[in-house]
Amino acid sequence: MSTTVTPFQKFVALISFDQENNQIRQQLQDLDSDIKHLNQMLINTEHELTATHDLVKTAQKAVDATELANQELDATEKTKKNQLDQVQDKKEYAALKKEITYLKEQQHNNELILVQAWTKLETAKQAFEKQKELLNHKLTEIKTDINAKKAQIIELTKQVNNYELERKAKEIGVPAEWLVKYSIMRTRVQNPVVQVVNGSCMACFYDVTQQDVNALKDNRLVECRGCFRFLYLT
């Protein structure tokens, strides 16, 4: 025994089809938003990795600068010692000895500074290597997530592109007047068609009269008297 599909049932099917498509479009928006967020996370993580590496560079510069200062002190000390071997004046000799003693003190202080600089450099390198491993793992996860969401977008976009073609077939058998009213309502609200639950419109909770409930049971088109959305019964 064949069952005839009424215009109202076709109308409800069209509405369901549109709602599914709206959900897909919303998913696309959400995915696009997710990807933007992930890209920002990607940038932040890369900046964090760069900042950690900059600490190593700064520590290395401190070591290089201290070593260079020590080399200059060594060269100055050698020069003064050579002068000391050649000088005959006692006052000049005493002055040079004093300068050499001062240079040795500076060298000693610089050696302590150099030890501290090397300690900071090694600590910075260890922290960088540890952080690099963690951040690179995080970067890989983010990129994988982005690629997965892009793949979802491709699949969902295909469904959206086929939507209009399929929708034309869904409109067949639905009264033109209903389609016009429905099209107008769709431009005003996101949910132009809502269910009646416990005798009330689920959008504005306006009470639906028994007369309208009976009309819905007869598969007739009924608009809510409160918000003018189309109503339906499951």
C-alpha atoms as a PDB file:
ATOM      1  CA  MET A   1       0.000   0.000   0.000  1.00  0.00           C
ATOM      2  CA  SER A   2       1.563   3.284  -1.161  1.00  0.00           C
ATOM      3  CA  THR A   3       1.665   6.252   1.132  1.00  0.00           C
ATOM      4  CA  THR A   4       1.055   9.710  -0.340  1.00  0.00           C
ATOM      5  CA  VAL A   5       3.381  12.397   0.887  1.00  0.00           C
ATOM      6  CA  THR A   6       1.385  15.537   1.628  1.00  0.00           C
ATOM      7  CA  PRO A   7       2.570  19.052   0.704  1.00  0.00           C
ATOM      8  CA  PHE A   8       2.994  19.782   4.399  1.00  0.00           C
ATOM      9  CA  GLN A   9       5.219  16.736   4.874  1.00  0.00           C
ATOM     10  CA  LYS A  10       7.289  17.875   1.892  1.00  0.00           C
ATOM     11  CA  PHE A  11       7.471  21.318   3.457  1.00  0.00           C
ATOM     12  CA  VAL A  12       8.685  19.866   6.740  1.00  0.00           C
ATOM     13  CA  ALA A  13      11.255  17.792   4.834  1.00  0.00           C
ATOM     14  CA  LEU A  14      12.466  20.962   3.100  1.00  0.00           C
ATOM     15  CA  ILE A  15      12.760  22.705   6.451  1.00  0.00           C
ATOM     16  CA  SER A  16      14.732  19.804   7.917  1.00  0.00           C
ATOM     17  CA  PHE A  17      16.992  19.855   4.883  1.00  0.00           C
ATOM     18  CA  ASP A  18      17.622  23.585   5.339  1.00  0.00           C
ATOM     19  CA  GLN A  19      18.306  23.130   9.034  1.00  0.00           C
ATOM     20  CA  GLU A  20      20.887  20.442   8.284  1.00  0.00           C
ATOM     21  CA  ASN A  21      22.530  22.762   5.775  1.00  0.00           C
ATOM     22  CA  ASN A  22      22.524  25.591   8.311  1.00  0.00           C
ATOM     23  CA  GLN A  23      24.263  23.294  10.757  1.00  0.00           C
ATOM     24  CA  ILE A  24      26.904  22.525   8.147  1.00  0.00           C
ATOM     25  CA  ARG A  25      27.412  26.235   7.465  1.00  0.00           C
ATOM     26  CA  GLN A  26      27.728  26.835  11.194  1.00  0.00           C
ATOM     27  CA  GLN A  27      30.289  24.042  11.404  1.00  0.00           C
ATOM     28  CA  LEU A  28      32.240  25.752   8.619  1.00  0.00           C
ATOM     29  CA  GLN A  29      32.204  29.030  10.534  1.00  0.00           C
ATOM     30  CA  ASP A  30      33.293  27.262  13.702  1.00  0.00           C
ATOM     31  CA  LEU A  31      36.095  25.469  11.869  1.00  0.00           C
ATOM     32  CA  ASP A  32      37.260  28.710  10.310  1.00  0.00           C
ATOM     33  CA  SER A  33      37.276  30.327  13.754  1.00  0.00           C
ATOM     34  CA  ASP A  34      39.159  27.323  15.185  1.00  0.00           C
ATOM     35  CA  ILE A  35      41.808  27.555  12.472  1.00  0.00           C
ATOM     36  CA  LYS A  36      42.316  31.271  13.123  1.00  0.00           C
ATOM     37  CA  HIS A  37      42.729  30.501  16.826  1.00  0.00           C
ATOM     38  CA  LEU A  38      45.166  27.668  16.086  1.00  0.00           C
ATOM     39  CA  ASN A  39      47.180  29.878  13.733  1.00  0.00           C
ATOM     40  CA  GLN A  40      47.484  32.446  16.506  1.00  0.00           C
ATOM     41  CA  MET A  41      48.611  29.673  18.872  1.00  0.00           C
ATOM     42  CA  LEU A  42      51.154  28.694  16.220  1.00  0.00           C
ATOM     43  CA  ILE A  43      52.509  32.253  16.081  1.00  0.00           C
ATOM     44  CA  ASN A  44      52.605  32.552  19.878  1.00  0.00           C
ATOM     45  CA  THR A  45      54.422  29.231  20.237  1.00  0.00           C
ATOM     46  CA  GLU A  46      56.987  30.196  17.591  1.00  0.00           C
ATOM     47  CA  HIS A  47      57.529  33.525  19.383  1.00  0.00           C
ATOM     48  CA  GLU A  48      57.967  31.658  22.659  1.00  0.00           C
ATOM     49  CA  LEU A  49      60.581  29.410  21.066  1.00  0.00           C
ATOM     50  CA  THR A  50      62.368  32.432  19.587  1.00  0.00           C
ATOM     51  CA  ALA A  51      62.333  34.212  22.955  1.00  0.00           C
ATOM     52  CA  THR A  52      63.911  31.164  24.634  1.00  0.00           C
ATOM     53  CA  HIS A  53      66.594  31.020  21.953  1.00  0.00           C
ATOM     54  CA  ASP A  54      67.251  34.751  22.384  1.00  0.00           C
ATOM     55  CA  LEU A  55      68.179  34.050  26.009  1.00  0.00           C
ATOM     56  CA  VAL A  56      70.875  31.692  24.749  1.00  0.00           C
ATOM     57  CA  LYS A  57      72.142  34.344  22.318  1.00  0.00           C
ATOM     58  CA  THR A  58      72.254  36.951  25.079  1.00  0.00           C
ATOM     59  CA  ALA A  59      74.170  34.597  27.377  1.00  0.00           C
ATOM     60  CA  GLN A  60      76.589  33.752  24.558  1.00  0.00           C
ATOM     61  CA  LYS A  61      77.211  37.457  23.903  1.00  0.00           C
ATOM     62  CA  ALA A  62      78.012  37.951  27.605  1.00  0.00           C
ATOM     63  CA  VAL A  63      80.566  35.120  27.462  1.00  0.00           C
ATOM     64  CA  ASP A  64      82.122  36.467  24.257  1.00  0.00           C
ATOM     65  CA  ALA A  65      82.323  40.000  25.655  1.00  0.00           C
ATOM     66  CA  THR A  66      83.989  38.820  28.880  1.00  0.00           C
ATOM     67  CA  GLU A  67      86.474  36.614  27.020  1.00  0.00           C
ATOM     68  CA  LEU A  68      87.316  39.505  24.718  1.00  0.00           C
ATOM     69  CA  ALA A  69      87.846  41.768  27.736  1.00  0.00           C
ATOM     70  CA  ASN A  70      90.172  39.148  29.249  1.00  0.00           C
ATOM     71  CA  GLN A  71      92.163  38.914  26.022  1.00  0.00           C
ATOM     72  CA  GLU A  72      92.557  42.686  25.977  1.00  0.00           C
ATOM     73  CA  LEU A  73      93.695  42.658  29.622  1.00  0.00           C
ATOM     74  CA  ASP A  74      96.223  39.890  28.842  1.00  0.00           C
ATOM     75  CA  ALA A  75      97.588  41.860  25.903  1.00  0.00           C
ATOM     76  CA  THR A  76      97.829  45.028  28.000  1.00  0.00           C
ATOM     77  CA  GLU A  77      99.589  43.136  30.800  1.00  0.00           C
ATOM     78  CA  LYS A  78     102.191  41.711  28.376  1.00  0.00           C
ATOM     79  CA  THR A  79     102.819  45.162  27.005  1.00  0.00           C
ATOM     80  CA  LYS A  80     103.319  46.577  30.511  1.00  0.00           C
ATOM     81  CA  LYS A  81     105.662  43.714  31.471  1.00  0.00           C
ATOM     82  CA  ASN A  82     107.781  44.361  28.396  1.00  0.00           C
ATOM     83  CA  GLN A  83     107.961  48.022  29.343  1.00  0.00           C
ATOM     84  CA  LEU A  84     108.883  47.019  32.889  1.00  0.00           C
ATOM     85  CA  ASP A  85     111.894  45.051  31.640  1.00  0.00           C
ATOM     86  CA  GLN A  86     113.191  48.081  29.759  1.00  0.00           C
ATOM     87  CA  VAL A  87     112.466  50.898  32.219  1.00  0.00           C
ATOM     88  CA  GLN A  88     115.310  52.279  34.417  1.00  0.00           C
ATOM     89  CA  ASP A  89     113.576  55.067  36.272  1.00  0.00           C
ATOM     90  CA  LYS A  90     112.423  53.919  39.719  1.00  0.00           C
ATOM     91  CA  LYS A  91     109.263  56.038  39.753  1.00  0.00           C
ATOM     92  CA  GLU A  92     108.276  54.830  36.291  1.00  0.00           C
ATOM     93  CA  TYR A  93     109.086  51.263  37.396  1.00  0.00           C
ATOM     94  CA  ALA A  94     106.861  51.588  40.470  1.00  0.00           C
ATOM     95  CA  ALA A  95     104.039  53.066  38.382  1.00  0.00           C
ATOM     96  CA  LEU A  96     104.210  50.187  35.917  1.00  0.00           C
ATOM     97  CA  LYS A  97     104.222  47.617  38.732  1.00  0.00           C
ATOM     98  CA  LYS A  98     101.136  49.261  40.157  1.00  0.00           C
ATOM     99  CA  GLU A  99      99.391  49.141  36.759  1.00  0.00           C
ATOM    100  CA  ILE A 100     100.290  45.467  36.336  1.00  0.00           C
ATOM    101  CA  THR A 101      98.926  44.658  39.810  1.00  0.00           C
ATOM    102  CA  TYR A 102      95.690  46.472  38.937  1.00  0.00           C
ATOM    103  CA  LEU A 103      95.459  44.561  35.634  1.00  0.00           C
ATOM    104  CA  LYS A 104      95.853  41.253  37.495  1.00  0.00           C
ATOM    105  CA  GLU A 105      93.011  42.231  39.821  1.00  0.00           C
ATOM    106  CA  GLN A 106      90.850  43.059  36.825  1.00  0.00           C
ATOM    107  CA  GLN A 107      91.774  39.735  35.230  1.00  0.00           C
ATOM    108  CA  HIS A 108      90.849  37.894  38.419  1.00  0.00           C
ATOM    109  CA  ASN A 109      87.491  39.697  38.624  1.00  0.00           C
ATOM    110  CA  ASN A 110      86.840  39.028  34.955  1.00  0.00           C
ATOM    111  CA  GLU A 111      87.592  35.334  35.444  1.00  0.00           C
ATOM    112  CA  LEU A 112      84.881  35.191  38.098  1.00  0.00           C
ATOM    113  CA  ILE A 113      82.490  37.032  35.805  1.00  0.00           C
ATOM    114  CA  LEU A 114      83.401  34.641  32.979  1.00  0.00           C
ATOM    115  CA  VAL A 115      82.625  31.601  35.146  1.00  0.00           C
ATOM    116  CA  GLN A 116      79.227  33.094  35.982  1.00  0.00           C
ATOM    117  CA  ALA A 117      78.624  33.922  32.313  1.00  0.00           C
ATOM    118  CA  TRP A 118      79.452  30.365  31.254  1.00  0.00           C
ATOM    119  CA  THR A 119      77.131  28.998  33.961  1.00  0.00           C
ATOM    120  CA  LYS A 120      74.295  31.195  32.677  1.00  0.00           C
ATOM    121  CA  LEU A 121      75.025  30.142  29.107  1.00  0.00           C
ATOM    122  CA  GLU A 122      74.920  26.424  29.945  1.00  0.00           C
ATOM    123  CA  THR A 123      71.720  26.901  31.946  1.00  0.00           C
ATOM    124  CA  ALA A 124      70.145  28.847  29.056  1.00  0.00           C
ATOM    125  CA  LYS A 125      71.186  26.163  26.562  1.00  0.00           C
ATOM    126  CA  GLN A 126      69.700  23.378  28.671  1.00  0.00           C
ATOM    127  CA  ALA A 127      66.467  25.320  29.154  1.00  0.00           C
ATOM    128  CA  PHE A 128      66.303  26.017  25.416  1.00  0.00           C
ATOM    129  CA  GLU A 129      66.793  22.381  24.430  1.00  0.00           C
ATOM    130  CA  LYS A 130      64.129  21.272  26.878  1.00  0.00           C
ATOM    131  CA  GLN A 131      61.742  24.025  25.803  1.00  0.00           C
ATOM    132  CA  LYS A 132      62.481  23.388  22.126  1.00  0.00           C
ATOM    133  CA  GLU A 133      61.465  19.751  22.458  1.00  0.00           C
ATOM    134  CA  LEU A 134      58.221  20.678  24.201  1.00  0.00           C
ATOM    135  CA  LEU A 135      57.368  23.540  21.853  1.00  0.00           C
ATOM    136  CA  ASN A 136      58.226  21.592  18.704  1.00  0.00           C
ATOM    137  CA  HIS A 137      55.902  18.837  19.897  1.00  0.00           C
ATOM    138  CA  LYS A 138      53.229  21.479  20.500  1.00  0.00           C
ATOM    139  CA  LEU A 139      53.823  22.979  17.049  1.00  0.00           C
ATOM    140  CA  THR A 140      53.420  19.552  15.446  1.00  0.00           C
ATOM    141  CA  GLU A 141      50.130  18.991  17.271  1.00  0.00           C
ATOM    142  CA  ILE A 142      48.805  22.408  16.254  1.00  0.00           C
ATOM    143  CA  LYS A 143      49.753  21.914  12.600  1.00  0.00           C
ATOM    144  CA  THR A 144      48.161  18.455  12.596  1.00  0.00           C
ATOM    145  CA  ASP A 145      44.983  19.913  14.086  1.00  0.00           C
ATOM    146  CA  ILE A 146      44.922  22.692  11.480  1.00  0.00           C
ATOM    147  CA  ASN A 147      45.333  20.218   8.612  1.00  0.00           C
ATOM    148  CA  ALA A 148      42.552  18.014  10.015  1.00  0.00           C
ATOM    149  CA  LYS A 149      40.180  20.977  10.243  1.00  0.00           C
ATOM    150  CA  LYS A 150      41.086  22.100   6.727  1.00  0.00           C
ATOM    151  CA  ALA A 151      40.216  18.615   5.478  1.00  0.00           C
ATOM    152  CA  GLN A 152      36.851  18.885   7.273  1.00  0.00           C
ATOM    153  CA  ILE A 153      36.241  22.231   5.609  1.00  0.00           C
ATOM    154  CA  ILE A 154      36.867  20.719   2.171  1.00  0.00           C
ATOM    155  CA  GLU A 155      34.345  17.942   2.786  1.00  0.00           C
ATOM    156  CA  LEU A 156      31.709  20.245   4.276  1.00  0.00           C
ATOM    157  CA  THR A 157      32.166  22.769   1.466  1.00  0.00           C
ATOM    158  CA  LYS A 158      31.389  20.022  -1.055  1.00  0.00           C
ATOM    159  CA  GLN A 159      28.119  19.374   0.796  1.00  0.00           C
ATOM    160  CA  VAL A 160      27.232  23.071   0.785  1.00  0.00           C
ATOM    161  CA  ASN A 161      27.992  23.332  -2.936  1.00  0.00           C
ATOM    162  CA  ASN A 162      25.579  20.467  -3.655  1.00  0.00           C
ATOM    163  CA  TYR A 163      22.933  22.014  -1.420  1.00  0.00           C
ATOM    164  CA  GLU A 164      21.262  24.325  -3.951  1.00  0.00           C
ATOM    165  CA  LEU A 165      20.949  21.571  -6.545  1.00  0.00           C
ATOM    166  CA  GLU A 166      19.351  19.212  -4.030  1.00  0.00           C
ATOM    167  CA  ARG A 167      17.121  21.928  -2.616  1.00  0.00           C
ATOM    168  CA  LYS A 168      15.388  22.528  -5.939  1.00  0.00           C
ATOM    169  CA  ALA A 169      14.173  18.949  -5.847  1.00  0.00           C
ATOM    170  CA  LYS A 170      13.001  19.365  -2.234  1.00  0.00           C
ATOM    171  CA  GLU A 171      10.819  22.359  -3.234  1.00  0.00           C
ATOM    172  CA  ILE A 172       8.792  20.287  -5.680  1.00  0.00           C
ATOM    173  CA  GLY A 173       5.293  19.706  -4.321  1.00  0.00           C
ATOM    174  CA  VAL A 174       5.442  22.532  -1.772  1.00  0.00           C
ATOM    175  CA  PRO A 175       2.898  25.324  -2.427  1.00  0.00           C
ATOM    176  CA  ALA A 176       4.525  28.470  -3.816  1.00  0.00           C
ATOM    177  CA  GLU A 177       2.780  30.621  -1.179  1.00  0.00           C
ATOM    178  CA  TRP A 178       4.413  28.620   1.588  1.00  0.00           C
ATOM    179  CA  LEU A 179       7.822  28.914  -0.048  1.00  0.00           C
ATOM    180  CA  VAL A 180       7.475  32.698  -0.322  1.00  0.00           C
ATOM    181  CA  LYS A 181       6.464  33.076   3.331  1.00  0.00           C
ATOM    182  CA  TYR A 182       9.202  30.718   4.401  1.00  0.00           C
ATOM    183  CA  SER A 183      11.844  32.592   2.372  1.00  0.00           C
ATOM    184  CA  ILE A 184      10.821  35.895   3.957  1.00  0.00           C
ATOM    185  CA  MET A 185      10.880  34.417   7.454  1.00  0.00           C
ATOM    186  CA  ARG A 186      14.319  32.856   6.878  1.00  0.00           C
ATOM    187  CA  THR A 187      15.805  36.313   6.286  1.00  0.00           C
ATOM    188  CA  ARG A 188      14.499  37.534   9.640  1.00  0.00           C
ATOM    189  CA  VAL A 189      15.241  34.730  12.074  1.00  0.00           C
ATOM    190  CA  GLN A 190      17.575  31.745  12.253  1.00  0.00           C
ATOM    191  CA  ASN A 191      14.790  29.341  13.217  1.00  0.00           C
ATOM    192  CA  PRO A 192      11.783  30.220  11.057  1.00  0.00           C
ATOM    193  CA  VAL A 193      10.094  26.897  11.806  1.00  0.00           C
ATOM    194  CA  VAL A 194       9.760  25.594  15.367  1.00  0.00           C
ATOM    195  CA  GLN A 195       8.145  22.706  17.148  1.00  0.00           C
ATOM    196  CA  VAL A 196       5.074  22.894  19.354  1.00  0.00           C
ATOM    197  CA  VAL A 197       5.792  21.334  22.756  1.00  0.00           C
ATOM    198  CA  ASN A 198       3.272  21.132  25.578  1.00  0.00           C
ATOM    199  CA  GLY A 199       0.930  23.406  23.662  1.00  0.00           C
ATOM    200  CA  SER A 200       3.457  26.243  23.269  1.00  0.00           C
ATOM    201  CA  CYS A 201       5.710  27.655  20.561  1.00  0.00           C
ATOM    202  CA  MET A 202       9.283  26.643  21.426  1.00  0.00           C
ATOM    203  CA  ALA A 203      10.654  29.964  20.132  1.00  0.00           C
ATOM    204  CA  CYS A 204       8.546  32.499  22.042  1.00  0.00           C
ATOM    205  CA  PHE A 205       6.550  30.124  24.327  1.00  0.00           C
ATOM    206  CA  TYR A 206       3.270  31.657  23.145  1.00  0.00           C
ATOM    207  CA  ASP A 207       0.330  29.337  23.823  1.00  0.00           C
ATOM    208  CA  VAL A 208      -0.955  27.596  20.722  1.00  0.00           C
ATOM    209  CA  THR A 209      -4.738  27.392  20.521  1.00  0.00           C
ATOM    210  CA  GLN A 210      -6.477  24.051  20.239  1.00  0.00           C
ATOM    211  CA  GLN A 211      -7.784  25.168  16.874  1.00  0.00           C
ATOM    212  CA  ASP A 212      -4.221  25.654  15.587  1.00  0.00           C
ATOM    213  CA  VAL A 213      -3.144  22.342  17.103  1.00  0.00           C
ATOM    214  CA  ASN A 214      -5.965  20.610  15.225  1.00  0.00           C
ATOM    215  CA  ALA A 215      -4.884  22.366  12.017  1.00  0.00           C
ATOM    216  CA  LEU A 216      -1.332  21.124  12.524  1.00  0.00           C
ATOM    217  CA  LYS A 217      -2.650  17.596  13.018  1.00  0.00           C
ATOM    218  CA  ASP A 218      -4.404  17.983   9.666  1.00  0.00           C
ATOM    219  CA  ASN A 219      -1.051  18.859   8.086  1.00  0.00           C
ATOM    220  CA  ARG A 220      -1.990  22.482   7.527  1.00  0.00           C
ATOM    221  CA  LEU A 221       0.425  25.388   7.704  1.00  0.00           C
ATOM    222  CA  VAL A 222       0.093  27.390  10.914  1.00  0.00           C
ATOM    223  CA  GLU A 223       1.982  30.472  12.043  1.00  0.00           C
ATOM    224  CA  CYS A 224       2.582  31.290  15.696  1.00  0.00           C
ATOM    225  CA  ARG A 225       0.363  34.149  16.824  1.00  0.00           C
ATOM    226  CA  GLY A 226       3.210  35.455  18.987  1.00  0.00           C
ATOM    227  CA  CYS A 227       6.342  35.428  16.792  1.00  0.00           C
ATOM    228  CA  PHE A 228       4.813  34.427  13.408  1.00  0.00           C
ATOM    229  CA  ARG A 229       7.157  31.509  12.953  1.00  0.00           C
ATOM    230  CA  PHE A 230       5.856  28.387  11.268  1.00  0.00           C
ATOM    231  CA  LEU A 231       4.821  25.654  13.675  1.00  0.00           C
ATOM    232  CA  TYR A 232       4.890  21.896  13.420  1.00  0.00           C
ATOM    233  CA  LEU A 233       4.088  18.844  15.522  1.00  0.00           C
ATOM    234  CA  THR A 234       6.338  15.815  15.699  1.00  0.00           C
END
